[in-house]
Protein backbone atom coordinates (compact mmCIF):
# COMPACT_ATOMS: atom_id res chain seq x y z
CA MET A 1 71.82 -89.45 -117.44
CA MET A 2 72.64 -91.34 -120.26
CA PRO A 3 68.80 -92.78 -120.77
CA ALA A 4 67.83 -89.06 -120.50
CA MET A 5 70.83 -88.05 -123.11
CA LYS A 6 69.31 -90.38 -125.65
CA ARG A 7 65.24 -90.30 -125.91
CA ALA A 8 66.25 -85.98 -126.15
CA GLY A 9 68.70 -86.88 -128.39
CA ARG A 10 65.61 -89.05 -130.24
CA ARG A 11 63.43 -86.30 -129.90
CA TRP A 12 65.64 -83.73 -131.87
CA ILE A 13 66.31 -86.15 -134.62
CA ARG A 14 62.49 -86.39 -135.26
CA GLN A 15 62.01 -83.53 -135.24
CA ALA A 16 64.58 -82.65 -137.40
CA TRP A 17 63.18 -85.16 -139.66
CA ALA A 18 59.47 -83.67 -139.20
CA GLY A 19 61.73 -79.87 -139.98
CA LEU A 20 63.63 -81.29 -143.37
CA VAL A 21 60.12 -82.82 -144.37
CA ALA A 22 57.85 -79.44 -144.27
CA LEU A 23 60.43 -77.75 -145.72
CA LEU A 24 60.11 -80.38 -148.86
CA LEU A 25 56.65 -79.70 -148.92
CA CYS A 26 55.96 -76.08 -148.33
CA PRO A 27 57.20 -75.24 -152.00
CA LEU A 28 54.37 -77.78 -153.05
CA ALA A 29 51.84 -76.17 -150.42
CA ASN A 30 52.64 -72.82 -151.31
CA ALA A 31 51.53 -73.53 -155.25
CA GLU A 32 48.45 -75.08 -155.31
CA PRO A 33 46.60 -72.00 -154.54
CA ASN A 34 48.50 -69.53 -157.43
CA ARG A 35 47.08 -72.64 -159.69
CA PRO A 36 44.25 -71.53 -162.31
CA PRO A 37 40.40 -73.40 -160.97
CA LEU A 38 39.96 -76.31 -163.67
CA VAL A 39 36.93 -75.06 -165.02
CA LEU A 40 33.96 -77.26 -166.05
CA LEU A 41 30.98 -77.28 -168.44
CA VAL A 42 27.83 -78.20 -167.69
CA GLU A 43 24.56 -78.66 -169.93
CA THR A 44 22.13 -76.00 -168.33
CA SER A 45 19.21 -78.55 -169.28
CA ALA A 46 21.23 -81.62 -167.73
CA LEU A 47 18.80 -84.36 -165.23
CA MET A 48 20.18 -85.93 -162.23
CA PRO A 49 21.84 -88.05 -161.74
CA HIS A 50 24.07 -86.24 -164.07
CA ALA A 51 23.65 -82.91 -162.75
CA ARG A 52 21.39 -80.70 -161.06
CA VAL A 53 21.17 -77.08 -162.36
CA ASP A 54 19.68 -73.95 -160.35
CA GLY A 55 19.89 -70.61 -161.84
CA ASP A 56 23.86 -70.10 -162.51
CA GLN A 57 24.89 -73.22 -159.59
CA VAL A 58 25.66 -76.86 -160.60
CA VAL A 59 23.84 -78.33 -157.25
CA GLU A 60 24.83 -82.00 -157.07
CA GLY A 61 25.22 -84.54 -159.43
CA LEU A 62 28.13 -87.54 -160.62
CA ASN A 63 29.21 -84.53 -163.56
CA LEU A 64 30.11 -82.41 -160.49
CA ASP A 65 31.42 -84.99 -157.98
CA ILE A 66 33.68 -85.74 -160.66
CA GLY A 67 35.10 -83.14 -161.38
CA ARG A 68 35.65 -81.81 -157.62
CA ALA A 69 37.71 -85.43 -157.65
CA LEU A 70 39.35 -84.34 -160.51
CA GLY A 71 40.62 -81.41 -159.75
CA ARG A 72 42.05 -82.48 -156.38
CA ARG A 73 44.18 -84.80 -158.12
CA LEU A 74 44.94 -82.54 -160.11
CA GLY A 75 44.88 -80.11 -157.44
CA ARG A 76 43.26 -77.22 -158.55
CA GLU A 77 39.62 -75.69 -157.36
CA LEU A 78 36.98 -76.57 -159.85
CA VAL A 79 34.21 -74.04 -160.77
CA ALA A 80 31.54 -75.60 -162.30
CA LYS A 81 29.77 -73.07 -165.35
CA PRO A 82 26.66 -74.47 -166.93
CA VAL A 83 26.05 -73.80 -170.50
CA PRO A 84 23.75 -74.60 -173.21
CA ARG A 85 23.74 -77.52 -174.26
CA LYS A 86 23.90 -76.33 -178.14
CA ARG A 87 27.11 -73.23 -176.84
CA LEU A 88 29.27 -76.56 -175.29
CA ALA A 89 31.85 -77.08 -178.23
CA GLU A 90 32.50 -73.25 -178.87
CA ALA A 91 32.03 -72.59 -175.07
CA LEU A 92 35.11 -75.10 -174.58
CA GLN A 93 37.00 -74.10 -178.10
CA ARG A 94 36.72 -70.42 -177.07
CA GLY A 95 38.37 -71.95 -173.87
CA GLU A 96 35.58 -70.55 -171.46
CA GLY A 97 35.99 -74.06 -169.67
CA ASP A 98 38.71 -76.55 -169.35
CA LEU A 99 36.99 -80.12 -169.84
CA LEU A 100 33.94 -81.37 -170.58
CA CYS A 101 32.58 -84.54 -169.31
CA ASP A 102 30.11 -87.50 -169.93
CA TYR A 103 30.92 -87.65 -174.17
CA GLN A 104 31.82 -89.01 -176.55
CA SER A 105 33.88 -87.89 -179.53
CA ASP A 106 31.39 -88.24 -181.86
CA TRP A 107 28.98 -86.42 -179.49
CA LEU A 108 30.71 -83.33 -179.83
CA PRO A 109 32.16 -81.92 -182.82
CA GLY A 110 35.33 -79.59 -182.62
CA ALA A 111 39.18 -79.76 -182.16
CA PHE A 112 38.99 -81.17 -178.68
CA ALA A 113 41.18 -83.94 -177.36
CA TRP A 114 39.92 -86.40 -175.29
CA SER A 115 40.89 -88.31 -172.95
CA ARG A 116 40.64 -91.74 -171.65
CA ALA A 117 36.96 -94.15 -171.49
CA PHE A 118 36.29 -94.89 -168.59
CA ILE A 119 32.71 -93.64 -167.25
CA PRO A 120 30.40 -96.43 -167.63
CA ASP A 121 26.83 -96.71 -168.87
CA GLN A 122 24.39 -98.81 -170.99
CA ALA A 123 21.95 -97.91 -173.31
CA LEU A 124 18.72 -100.16 -172.95
CA LEU A 125 15.67 -100.57 -174.41
CA ILE A 126 12.62 -101.01 -171.68
CA SER A 127 9.14 -102.24 -172.58
CA ALA A 128 6.23 -102.00 -170.26
CA ALA A 129 5.13 -105.31 -168.72
CA ALA A 130 1.93 -104.81 -169.99
CA VAL A 131 2.39 -105.76 -173.57
CA PRO A 132 3.73 -108.24 -175.27
CA ALA A 133 7.80 -108.46 -174.50
CA PRO A 134 9.87 -107.56 -177.85
CA LYS A 135 11.60 -110.52 -179.40
CA GLY A 136 14.58 -108.67 -179.33
CA LEU A 137 15.86 -105.26 -180.63
CA VAL A 138 14.37 -106.25 -183.56
CA GLY A 139 10.76 -107.04 -182.17
CA VAL A 140 10.43 -102.88 -181.79
CA GLY A 141 10.39 -102.07 -185.65
CA GLY A 142 7.02 -100.61 -186.96
CA GLN A 143 6.56 -99.74 -183.37
CA PRO A 144 6.52 -96.09 -182.11
CA VAL A 145 9.87 -96.18 -179.35
CA GLY A 146 10.55 -93.23 -176.90
CA THR A 147 13.52 -91.74 -177.69
CA VAL A 148 15.00 -87.76 -176.36
CA ARG A 149 15.44 -85.28 -179.11
CA GLY A 150 18.54 -83.62 -180.59
CA TYR A 151 20.21 -87.49 -179.41
CA ILE A 152 21.15 -90.59 -181.57
CA TYR A 153 21.12 -94.01 -181.29
CA PRO A 154 23.01 -95.05 -184.72
CA GLU A 155 22.70 -99.05 -183.58
CA MET A 156 19.42 -98.96 -183.49
CA ALA A 157 18.77 -96.42 -186.84
CA ASP A 158 21.31 -99.41 -188.23
CA MET A 159 19.24 -102.36 -187.05
CA LEU A 160 15.78 -101.34 -187.58
CA ARG A 161 16.35 -98.13 -190.85
CA ALA A 162 13.08 -97.22 -191.74
CA GLY A 163 11.88 -99.54 -189.50
CA PHE A 164 13.20 -96.80 -185.91
CA LEU A 165 10.13 -95.22 -185.44
CA ARG A 166 11.50 -91.88 -183.22
CA ASP A 167 9.13 -90.76 -180.60
CA ASP A 168 11.24 -88.01 -179.33
CA ALA A 169 10.89 -86.46 -175.55
CA PRO A 170 12.50 -83.36 -175.29
CA ASP A 171 14.60 -85.04 -171.90
CA ALA A 172 15.49 -87.77 -170.29
CA VAL A 173 12.90 -87.90 -167.52
CA THR A 174 10.36 -86.74 -169.73
CA ASN A 175 10.53 -89.77 -172.34
CA LEU A 176 10.07 -92.17 -169.41
CA GLU A 177 7.22 -90.42 -167.88
CA LYS A 178 5.92 -90.83 -171.88
CA LEU A 179 5.76 -94.54 -171.57
CA ALA A 180 4.85 -95.08 -167.71
CA ARG A 181 1.81 -93.33 -168.69
CA GLY A 182 1.56 -95.29 -171.73
CA ARG A 183 1.96 -92.97 -174.34
CA VAL A 184 4.59 -95.82 -175.68
CA ASN A 185 5.02 -99.63 -175.42
CA HIS A 186 8.87 -99.00 -175.17
CA ALA A 187 11.68 -96.28 -174.84
CA LEU A 188 15.27 -96.28 -175.10
CA THR A 189 16.44 -95.08 -171.51
CA GLY A 190 20.53 -95.41 -170.46
CA ARG A 191 21.44 -97.49 -167.48
CA ARG A 192 22.31 -94.53 -165.05
CA VAL A 193 18.82 -92.09 -165.11
CA LEU A 194 16.39 -94.98 -165.32
CA GLU A 195 18.04 -96.66 -162.10
CA TYR A 196 18.61 -93.00 -160.59
CA GLN A 197 14.76 -92.47 -160.94
CA GLN A 198 13.34 -95.60 -160.21
CA ARG A 199 15.53 -95.92 -156.26
CA MET A 200 14.52 -92.41 -155.90
CA GLY A 201 10.70 -93.26 -157.27
CA HIS A 202 9.64 -91.66 -159.74
CA PHE A 203 9.14 -94.28 -161.86
CA LYS A 204 7.90 -97.15 -160.50
CA LEU A 205 6.07 -98.57 -164.17
CA ALA A 206 6.48 -102.07 -164.00
CA LEU A 207 9.37 -103.38 -166.44
CA HIS A 208 10.10 -106.42 -168.99
CA PRO A 209 14.01 -106.86 -168.50
CA PRO A 210 15.31 -104.02 -170.75
CA LEU A 211 17.46 -105.37 -174.01
CA VAL A 212 20.46 -103.70 -173.42
CA VAL A 213 21.83 -101.71 -176.76
CA SER A 214 25.26 -100.48 -176.48
CA GLU A 215 27.92 -100.14 -173.07
CA VAL A 216 28.63 -96.70 -173.03
CA LEU A 217 32.41 -95.62 -172.09
CA ALA A 218 32.77 -91.95 -172.01
CA GLN A 219 35.25 -89.60 -171.55
CA CYS A 220 36.44 -86.16 -171.16
CA ALA A 221 36.79 -83.76 -174.06
CA LEU A 222 39.64 -81.03 -173.20
CA SER A 223 39.90 -77.35 -174.47
CA PRO A 224 42.61 -76.45 -176.31
CA SER A 225 43.17 -73.23 -174.60
CA SER A 226 43.55 -75.21 -171.10
CA SER A 227 46.69 -75.32 -169.11
CA VAL A 228 45.68 -78.57 -168.26
CA GLY A 229 47.81 -81.48 -170.62
CA LEU A 230 45.82 -84.20 -171.66
CA ALA A 231 48.81 -87.10 -169.95
CA ALA A 232 47.84 -85.25 -166.05
CA LEU A 233 43.86 -85.33 -167.27
CA ASN A 234 44.70 -89.10 -168.03
CA ALA A 235 46.60 -89.51 -165.00
CA ALA A 236 44.12 -88.37 -162.07
CA ILE A 237 41.60 -90.69 -165.02
CA GLN A 238 43.94 -93.26 -163.65
CA GLY A 239 44.19 -92.77 -159.72
CA LEU A 240 40.12 -92.45 -160.09
CA VAL A 241 39.65 -95.62 -161.76
CA ASN A 242 42.57 -97.70 -160.09
CA GLU A 243 41.07 -96.48 -156.67
CA GLY A 244 38.12 -97.44 -156.59
CA GLU A 245 36.68 -94.07 -156.71
CA LEU A 246 34.29 -93.72 -159.80
CA ALA A 247 32.62 -96.42 -158.67
CA ARG A 248 32.03 -94.95 -155.13
CA LEU A 249 31.20 -91.97 -157.28
CA MET A 250 28.56 -93.33 -158.47
CA ALA A 251 27.10 -95.99 -156.73
CA ARG A 252 26.09 -93.52 -154.74
CA TYR A 253 23.01 -93.09 -158.16
CA ARG A 254 22.17 -96.05 -158.23
């Protein structure tokens, strides 16, 4: 009888602890559905690996993955909202979304709180292998360089000044296509875009080893009217980085 009584006693203790834990967790579980969603703004013109937009839906991409990961850590459901690039700052200022990620403060004017920098990329100068490799970044001075309309390239502009001859394309993928077709011999691109297009087989041109123009660490801009605090956002980002989740997300697109 004694062993059976002991087993029954231990079973009662386990059940009591389980009930207590459930009672303690219940308010936290019930609080999440009442929180407003986390609204992430995404450029309608964004291209993979950043995002793929189909109508009013953000279908896939690194921006969506990061937004979902942050939403989980903040206890909020993510809603991704496509917005034209020219309206991004206005939409964020007006509170049409909580945040915009993969940007830097000098890219987006406005009274926004900015997260810690955490999304890595590199700005690269790439050159077709069929032409002589430039001797450093200054080696393309006076030659047309493929660029993207609306983007700034401060390092190249400062270095080459009047010798920086931009040849603008409407987007990053078209910029690579111009290089592949021989319309320019050199182009500026992000490493993420280049590696994704190469992995997908969309860009097969033989290149000289790329020259690194700059290292980039992008941020998230937080709307002034968002109910998400900057400290909470930075804590979520810190967890994303420290636990290796950001690295795993980015590895999907290399």
